Amino acid sequence: MQTTTKTTARRIALLSALPLVGALALAGCAGDDDRDDTAAPAASAPSVTATDGSASGSTGSGSDAAGNDALGAAAETAREAVGSGTVTSIEQEAGGTSWEVLVVTADGNEQEVHVAADGERTTAGPTKDTTDAEDVAENQRFVDAADLSVAQAASTLVETMPGTVTELGLDDLAGTVVWEGDVRDDAGTKHSIRIDAGSGEVVTNTVDTDD
């Protein structure tokens, strides 16, 4: 009789504990569900670096790029023809069929060279221009102030206004030495741009309505 009573008591205790075990199990499941429902931190997107396929100084159409490459080649051809010096001026002439290039030598004198349209060969010169002491002083001042070469100046011009550089030269603007150039865009409009010859900063940028 005593054994039966103990067994019955154990069964009653076990049955009483079942609801508590069930509640604990449900609470555990709910906790797992809450953890599963929590959004994982979003993976950071890979950074994308834009690739510029254009060559330096070749902003714009293919014809613009060819024209600006020819300008650079013509400047170098003229300088090599003189032997040394600094190109201070270059411009298209004869309807774009050739280039006229001025090269200032170490003594401050100017040499004029004419170069074919593609910039690869000279067609005339070098010829020493007539200069006086004032011209020599100005030429040397321009050369000393020009930290940007003619090629670098041309590159800055087409970055400012895509097109073909048709003329570029050192000049004085209110006491500051500047590269002054003309860029003709794809629509045929001519833009006159001045950049500081030392810093490369654009000083003026206007549309030329004269032609």
C-alpha atoms as a PDB file:
ATOM      1  CA  MET A   1       0.000   0.000   0.000  1.00  0.00           C
ATOM      2  CA  GLN A   2       2.833   2.382   0.911  1.00  0.00           C
ATOM      3  CA  THR A   3       4.655   1.555  -2.335  1.00  0.00           C
ATOM      4  CA  THR A   4       1.523   2.282  -4.357  1.00  0.00           C
ATOM      5  CA  THR A   5       1.088   5.615  -2.623  1.00  0.00           C
ATOM      6  CA  LYS A   6       4.710   6.652  -3.419  1.00  0.00           C
ATOM      7  CA  THR A   7       4.320   5.629  -7.058  1.00  0.00           C
ATOM      8  CA  THR A   8       1.118   7.618  -7.355  1.00  0.00           C
ATOM      9  CA  ALA A   9       2.817  10.671  -5.803  1.00  0.00           C
ATOM     10  CA  ARG A  10       5.684  10.462  -8.308  1.00  0.00           C
ATOM     11  CA  ARG A  11       3.238  10.279 -11.198  1.00  0.00           C
ATOM     12  CA  ILE A  12       1.358  13.277  -9.905  1.00  0.00           C
ATOM     13  CA  ALA A  13       4.637  15.241  -9.569  1.00  0.00           C
ATOM     14  CA  LEU A  14       5.716  14.231 -13.063  1.00  0.00           C
ATOM     15  CA  LEU A  15       2.387  15.233 -14.568  1.00  0.00           C
ATOM     16  CA  SER A  16       2.579  18.540 -12.741  1.00  0.00           C
ATOM     17  CA  ALA A  17       6.019  19.231 -14.167  1.00  0.00           C
ATOM     18  CA  LEU A  18       5.072  18.556 -17.818  1.00  0.00           C
ATOM     19  CA  PRO A  19       3.378  21.924 -18.399  1.00  0.00           C
ATOM     20  CA  LEU A  20       6.486  23.705 -17.068  1.00  0.00           C
ATOM     21  CA  VAL A  21       8.810  21.732 -19.359  1.00  0.00           C
ATOM     22  CA  GLY A  22       6.543  22.490 -22.311  1.00  0.00           C
ATOM     23  CA  ALA A  23       6.522  26.181 -21.513  1.00  0.00           C
ATOM     24  CA  LEU A  24      10.300  26.250 -21.288  1.00  0.00           C
ATOM     25  CA  ALA A  25      10.595  24.452 -24.627  1.00  0.00           C
ATOM     26  CA  LEU A  26       8.234  26.916 -26.308  1.00  0.00           C
ATOM     27  CA  ALA A  27      10.176  29.833 -24.874  1.00  0.00           C
ATOM     28  CA  GLY A  28      13.397  28.368 -26.281  1.00  0.00           C
ATOM     29  CA  CYS A  29      11.836  27.976 -29.735  1.00  0.00           C
ATOM     30  CA  ALA A  30      10.565  31.524 -29.643  1.00  0.00           C
ATOM     31  CA  GLY A  31      14.061  32.758 -28.778  1.00  0.00           C
ATOM     32  CA  ASP A  32      15.542  30.819 -31.706  1.00  0.00           C
ATOM     33  CA  ASP A  33      12.883  32.238 -34.043  1.00  0.00           C
ATOM     34  CA  ASP A  34      13.666  35.753 -32.867  1.00  0.00           C
ATOM     35  CA  ARG A  35      17.356  35.210 -33.564  1.00  0.00           C
ATOM     36  CA  ASP A  36      16.588  33.735 -36.997  1.00  0.00           C
ATOM     37  CA  ASP A  37      14.331  36.680 -37.865  1.00  0.00           C
ATOM     38  CA  THR A  38      17.024  39.236 -37.005  1.00  0.00           C
ATOM     39  CA  ALA A  39      18.451  40.585 -40.285  1.00  0.00           C
ATOM     40  CA  ALA A  40      22.139  39.929 -40.789  1.00  0.00           C
ATOM     41  CA  PRO A  41      24.270  43.003 -41.353  1.00  0.00           C
ATOM     42  CA  ALA A  42      24.232  43.883 -45.059  1.00  0.00           C
ATOM     43  CA  ALA A  43      27.463  43.018 -46.847  1.00  0.00           C
ATOM     44  CA  SER A  44      29.246  46.096 -48.033  1.00  0.00           C
ATOM     45  CA  ALA A  45      29.064  46.549 -51.793  1.00  0.00           C
ATOM     46  CA  PRO A  46      32.401  46.300 -53.590  1.00  0.00           C
ATOM     47  CA  SER A  47      33.775  49.665 -54.557  1.00  0.00           C
ATOM     48  CA  VAL A  48      33.853  50.360 -58.274  1.00  0.00           C
ATOM     49  CA  THR A  49      36.511  52.572 -59.779  1.00  0.00           C
ATOM     50  CA  ALA A  50      35.588  54.208 -63.053  1.00  0.00           C
ATOM     51  CA  THR A  51      38.134  53.624 -65.760  1.00  0.00           C
ATOM     52  CA  ASP A  52      38.810  56.455 -68.128  1.00  0.00           C
ATOM     53  CA  GLY A  53      39.696  54.977 -71.491  1.00  0.00           C
ATOM     54  CA  SER A  54      40.569  58.281 -73.071  1.00  0.00           C
ATOM     55  CA  ALA A  55      44.169  59.342 -73.482  1.00  0.00           C
ATOM     56  CA  SER A  56      45.374  62.483 -71.755  1.00  0.00           C
ATOM     57  CA  GLY A  57      44.675  65.495 -73.890  1.00  0.00           C
ATOM     58  CA  SER A  58      42.360  63.488 -76.160  1.00  0.00           C
ATOM     59  CA  THR A  59      39.012  64.543 -74.769  1.00  0.00           C
ATOM     60  CA  GLY A  60      36.333  64.737 -77.454  1.00  0.00           C
ATOM     61  CA  SER A  61      35.887  63.030 -80.800  1.00  0.00           C
ATOM     62  CA  GLY A  62      38.477  60.999 -82.671  1.00  0.00           C
ATOM     63  CA  SER A  63      39.222  63.900 -85.000  1.00  0.00           C
ATOM     64  CA  ASP A  64      39.818  66.157 -81.987  1.00  0.00           C
ATOM     65  CA  ALA A  65      42.243  63.635 -80.537  1.00  0.00           C
ATOM     66  CA  ALA A  66      44.122  63.358 -83.833  1.00  0.00           C
ATOM     67  CA  GLY A  67      44.367  67.141 -84.147  1.00  0.00           C
ATOM     68  CA  ASN A  68      45.657  67.569 -80.610  1.00  0.00           C
ATOM     69  CA  ASP A  69      48.142  64.740 -81.030  1.00  0.00           C
ATOM     70  CA  ALA A  70      49.392  66.475 -84.181  1.00  0.00           C
ATOM     71  CA  LEU A  71      49.849  69.716 -82.232  1.00  0.00           C
ATOM     72  CA  GLY A  72      52.033  67.962 -79.678  1.00  0.00           C
ATOM     73  CA  ALA A  73      54.021  66.236 -82.395  1.00  0.00           C
ATOM     74  CA  ALA A  74      54.503  69.493 -84.315  1.00  0.00           C
ATOM     75  CA  ALA A  75      55.786  71.257 -81.206  1.00  0.00           C
ATOM     76  CA  GLU A  76      58.326  68.506 -80.566  1.00  0.00           C
ATOM     77  CA  THR A  77      59.388  68.350 -84.218  1.00  0.00           C
ATOM     78  CA  ALA A  78      60.007  72.107 -84.254  1.00  0.00           C
ATOM     79  CA  ARG A  79      61.982  72.012 -81.022  1.00  0.00           C
ATOM     80  CA  GLU A  80      64.147  69.203 -82.333  1.00  0.00           C
ATOM     81  CA  ALA A  81      64.726  71.121 -85.570  1.00  0.00           C
ATOM     82  CA  VAL A  82      66.042  74.087 -83.578  1.00  0.00           C
ATOM     83  CA  GLY A  83      68.110  71.782 -81.370  1.00  0.00           C
ATOM     84  CA  SER A  84      66.831  73.008 -78.010  1.00  0.00           C
ATOM     85  CA  GLY A  85      64.596  75.657 -76.543  1.00  0.00           C
ATOM     86  CA  THR A  86      61.020  76.236 -75.414  1.00  0.00           C
ATOM     87  CA  VAL A  87      57.972  76.279 -77.654  1.00  0.00           C
ATOM     88  CA  THR A  88      56.160  79.528 -76.875  1.00  0.00           C
ATOM     89  CA  SER A  89      53.629  79.582 -79.706  1.00  0.00           C
ATOM     90  CA  ILE A  90      51.980  77.174 -82.142  1.00  0.00           C
ATOM     91  CA  GLU A  91      49.085  77.682 -84.504  1.00  0.00           C
ATOM     92  CA  GLN A  92      47.428  76.091 -87.494  1.00  0.00           C
ATOM     93  CA  GLU A  93      47.907  77.906 -90.776  1.00  0.00           C
ATOM     94  CA  ALA A  94      46.833  77.542 -94.396  1.00  0.00           C
ATOM     95  CA  GLY A  95      43.474  76.086 -93.470  1.00  0.00           C
ATOM     96  CA  GLY A  96      44.938  73.546 -91.070  1.00  0.00           C
ATOM     97  CA  THR A  97      47.404  72.084 -93.584  1.00  0.00           C
ATOM     98  CA  SER A  98      50.476  73.063 -91.546  1.00  0.00           C
ATOM     99  CA  TRP A  99      51.687  74.488 -88.233  1.00  0.00           C
ATOM    100  CA  GLU A 100      53.682  77.616 -87.488  1.00  0.00           C
ATOM    101  CA  VAL A 101      55.797  77.129 -84.378  1.00  0.00           C
ATOM    102  CA  LEU A 102      57.934  79.603 -82.444  1.00  0.00           C
ATOM    103  CA  VAL A 103      60.787  78.254 -80.323  1.00  0.00           C
ATOM    104  CA  VAL A 104      62.678  80.485 -77.891  1.00  0.00           C
ATOM    105  CA  THR A 105      66.300  79.492 -77.430  1.00  0.00           C
ATOM    106  CA  ALA A 106      68.442  79.968 -74.333  1.00  0.00           C
ATOM    107  CA  ASP A 107      69.607  83.396 -75.513  1.00  0.00           C
ATOM    108  CA  GLY A 108      66.003  84.660 -75.686  1.00  0.00           C
ATOM    109  CA  ASN A 109      65.828  84.734 -79.475  1.00  0.00           C
ATOM    110  CA  GLU A 110      62.943  83.227 -81.463  1.00  0.00           C
ATOM    111  CA  GLN A 111      63.230  80.600 -84.172  1.00  0.00           C
ATOM    112  CA  GLU A 112      60.282  80.086 -86.522  1.00  0.00           C
ATOM    113  CA  VAL A 113      59.593  76.593 -87.841  1.00  0.00           C
ATOM    114  CA  HIS A 114      56.854  75.382 -90.168  1.00  0.00           C
ATOM    115  CA  VAL A 115      55.684  71.805 -89.722  1.00  0.00           C
ATOM    116  CA  ALA A 116      53.400  69.540 -91.738  1.00  0.00           C
ATOM    117  CA  ALA A 117      49.806  69.039 -90.568  1.00  0.00           C
ATOM    118  CA  ASP A 118      50.540  65.640 -89.003  1.00  0.00           C
ATOM    119  CA  GLY A 119      53.384  67.172 -87.014  1.00  0.00           C
ATOM    120  CA  GLU A 120      55.960  64.679 -88.245  1.00  0.00           C
ATOM    121  CA  ARG A 121      58.252  66.787 -90.470  1.00  0.00           C
ATOM    122  CA  THR A 122      59.359  70.349 -90.985  1.00  0.00           C
ATOM    123  CA  THR A 123      58.368  72.140 -94.190  1.00  0.00           C
ATOM    124  CA  ALA A 124      60.395  75.333 -93.634  1.00  0.00           C
ATOM    125  CA  GLY A 125      62.902  76.715 -91.147  1.00  0.00           C
ATOM    126  CA  PRO A 126      64.126  77.068 -88.580  1.00  0.00           C
ATOM    127  CA  THR A 127      64.442  80.766 -89.299  1.00  0.00           C
ATOM    128  CA  LYS A 128      65.654  83.251 -86.703  1.00  0.00           C
ATOM    129  CA  ASP A 129      63.148  86.053 -86.162  1.00  0.00           C
ATOM    130  CA  THR A 130      64.353  89.612 -85.824  1.00  0.00           C
ATOM    131  CA  THR A 131      64.275  90.526 -82.140  1.00  0.00           C
ATOM    132  CA  ASP A 132      65.480  93.491 -80.117  1.00  0.00           C
ATOM    133  CA  ALA A 133      66.502  93.668 -76.466  1.00  0.00           C
ATOM    134  CA  GLU A 134      62.929  94.251 -75.348  1.00  0.00           C
ATOM    135  CA  ASP A 135      61.724  91.187 -77.238  1.00  0.00           C
ATOM    136  CA  VAL A 136      64.502  89.067 -75.766  1.00  0.00           C
ATOM    137  CA  ALA A 137      63.626  90.204 -72.231  1.00  0.00           C
ATOM    138  CA  GLU A 138      59.951  89.434 -72.761  1.00  0.00           C
ATOM    139  CA  ASN A 139      60.708  86.031 -74.250  1.00  0.00           C
ATOM    140  CA  GLN A 140      62.893  85.110 -71.296  1.00  0.00           C
ATOM    141  CA  ARG A 141      60.232  86.309 -68.861  1.00  0.00           C
ATOM    142  CA  PHE A 142      57.625  84.150 -70.561  1.00  0.00           C
ATOM    143  CA  VAL A 143      59.854  81.084 -70.567  1.00  0.00           C
ATOM    144  CA  ASP A 144      60.802  81.530 -66.910  1.00  0.00           C
ATOM    145  CA  ALA A 145      57.163  81.902 -65.839  1.00  0.00           C
ATOM    146  CA  ALA A 146      55.824  78.963 -67.856  1.00  0.00           C
ATOM    147  CA  ASP A 147      55.882  75.923 -65.583  1.00  0.00           C
ATOM    148  CA  LEU A 148      53.423  74.280 -67.989  1.00  0.00           C
ATOM    149  CA  SER A 149      54.786  73.110 -71.325  1.00  0.00           C
ATOM    150  CA  VAL A 150      52.839  73.685 -74.522  1.00  0.00           C
ATOM    151  CA  ALA A 151      51.633  70.053 -74.409  1.00  0.00           C
ATOM    152  CA  GLN A 152      50.440  70.411 -70.818  1.00  0.00           C
ATOM    153  CA  ALA A 153      48.703  73.668 -71.666  1.00  0.00           C
ATOM    154  CA  ALA A 154      46.939  72.062 -74.629  1.00  0.00           C
ATOM    155  CA  SER A 155      45.795  69.216 -72.393  1.00  0.00           C
ATOM    156  CA  THR A 156      44.337  71.689 -69.888  1.00  0.00           C
ATOM    157  CA  LEU A 157      42.507  73.509 -72.665  1.00  0.00           C
ATOM    158  CA  VAL A 158      40.719  70.398 -73.937  1.00  0.00           C
ATOM    159  CA  GLU A 159      39.888  69.309 -70.403  1.00  0.00           C
ATOM    160  CA  THR A 160      38.219  72.696 -69.992  1.00  0.00           C
ATOM    161  CA  MET A 161      36.506  72.621 -73.397  1.00  0.00           C
ATOM    162  CA  PRO A 162      36.585  69.416 -75.479  1.00  0.00           C
ATOM    163  CA  GLY A 163      37.618  70.106 -79.044  1.00  0.00           C
ATOM    164  CA  THR A 164      40.640  70.765 -81.237  1.00  0.00           C
ATOM    165  CA  VAL A 165      43.292  73.271 -80.190  1.00  0.00           C
ATOM    166  CA  THR A 166      44.022  75.433 -83.218  1.00  0.00           C
ATOM    167  CA  GLU A 167      46.244  78.074 -81.619  1.00  0.00           C
ATOM    168  CA  LEU A 168      48.218  78.327 -78.398  1.00  0.00           C
ATOM    169  CA  GLY A 169      50.833  80.776 -77.189  1.00  0.00           C
ATOM    170  CA  LEU A 170      52.331  82.545 -74.188  1.00  0.00           C
ATOM    171  CA  ASP A 171      51.060  86.060 -73.547  1.00  0.00           C
ATOM    172  CA  ASP A 172      50.787  88.686 -70.830  1.00  0.00           C
ATOM    173  CA  LEU A 173      47.475  89.333 -69.075  1.00  0.00           C
ATOM    174  CA  ALA A 174      47.590  92.213 -66.591  1.00  0.00           C
ATOM    175  CA  GLY A 175      51.102  91.261 -65.517  1.00  0.00           C
ATOM    176  CA  THR A 176      50.493  87.505 -65.382  1.00  0.00           C
ATOM    177  CA  VAL A 177      52.004  85.179 -67.970  1.00  0.00           C
ATOM    178  CA  VAL A 178      49.283  83.002 -69.442  1.00  0.00           C
ATOM    179  CA  TRP A 179      48.855  80.396 -72.114  1.00  0.00           C
ATOM    180  CA  GLU A 180      46.212  81.779 -74.461  1.00  0.00           C
ATOM    181  CA  GLY A 181      44.579  79.344 -76.839  1.00  0.00           C
ATOM    182  CA  ASP A 182      41.661  78.689 -79.131  1.00  0.00           C
ATOM    183  CA  VAL A 183      39.647  75.473 -79.036  1.00  0.00           C
ATOM    184  CA  ARG A 184      37.147  74.639 -81.758  1.00  0.00           C
ATOM    185  CA  ASP A 185      34.416  72.289 -80.545  1.00  0.00           C
ATOM    186  CA  ASP A 186      32.548  69.664 -82.594  1.00  0.00           C
ATOM    187  CA  ALA A 187      29.869  72.217 -83.518  1.00  0.00           C
ATOM    188  CA  GLY A 188      32.531  74.511 -84.992  1.00  0.00           C
ATOM    189  CA  THR A 189      32.334  77.119 -82.219  1.00  0.00           C
ATOM    190  CA  LYS A 190      35.637  78.692 -81.235  1.00  0.00           C
ATOM    191  CA  HIS A 191      36.376  79.097 -77.526  1.00  0.00           C
ATOM    192  CA  SER A 192      39.164  81.416 -76.359  1.00  0.00           C
ATOM    193  CA  ILE A 193      40.708  80.213 -73.117  1.00  0.00           C
ATOM    194  CA  ARG A 194      43.497  81.610 -70.972  1.00  0.00           C
ATOM    195  CA  ILE A 195      45.237  79.593 -68.277  1.00  0.00           C
ATOM    196  CA  ASP A 196      47.867  80.694 -65.800  1.00  0.00           C
ATOM    197  CA  ALA A 197      51.182  79.496 -67.248  1.00  0.00           C
ATOM    198  CA  GLY A 198      52.513  78.751 -63.785  1.00  0.00           C
ATOM    199  CA  SER A 199      49.603  77.092 -61.965  1.00  0.00           C
ATOM    200  CA  GLY A 200      47.476  75.855 -64.854  1.00  0.00           C
ATOM    201  CA  GLU A 201      44.402  77.563 -63.411  1.00  0.00           C
ATOM    202  CA  VAL A 202      41.806  78.667 -65.971  1.00  0.00           C
ATOM    203  CA  VAL A 203      41.700  82.469 -65.993  1.00  0.00           C
ATOM    204  CA  THR A 204      39.179  83.172 -68.763  1.00  0.00           C
ATOM    205  CA  ASN A 205      36.932  81.059 -70.970  1.00  0.00           C
ATOM    206  CA  THR A 206      34.839  82.838 -73.572  1.00  0.00           C
ATOM    207  CA  VAL A 207      33.128  82.085 -76.874  1.00  0.00           C
ATOM    208  CA  ASP A 208      34.780  83.871 -79.789  1.00  0.00           C
ATOM    209  CA  THR A 209      32.024  85.365 -81.943  1.00  0.00           C
ATOM    210  CA  ASP A 210      34.327  87.184 -84.327  1.00  0.00           C
ATOM    211  CA  ASP A 211      34.458  84.389 -86.898  1.00  0.00           C
END
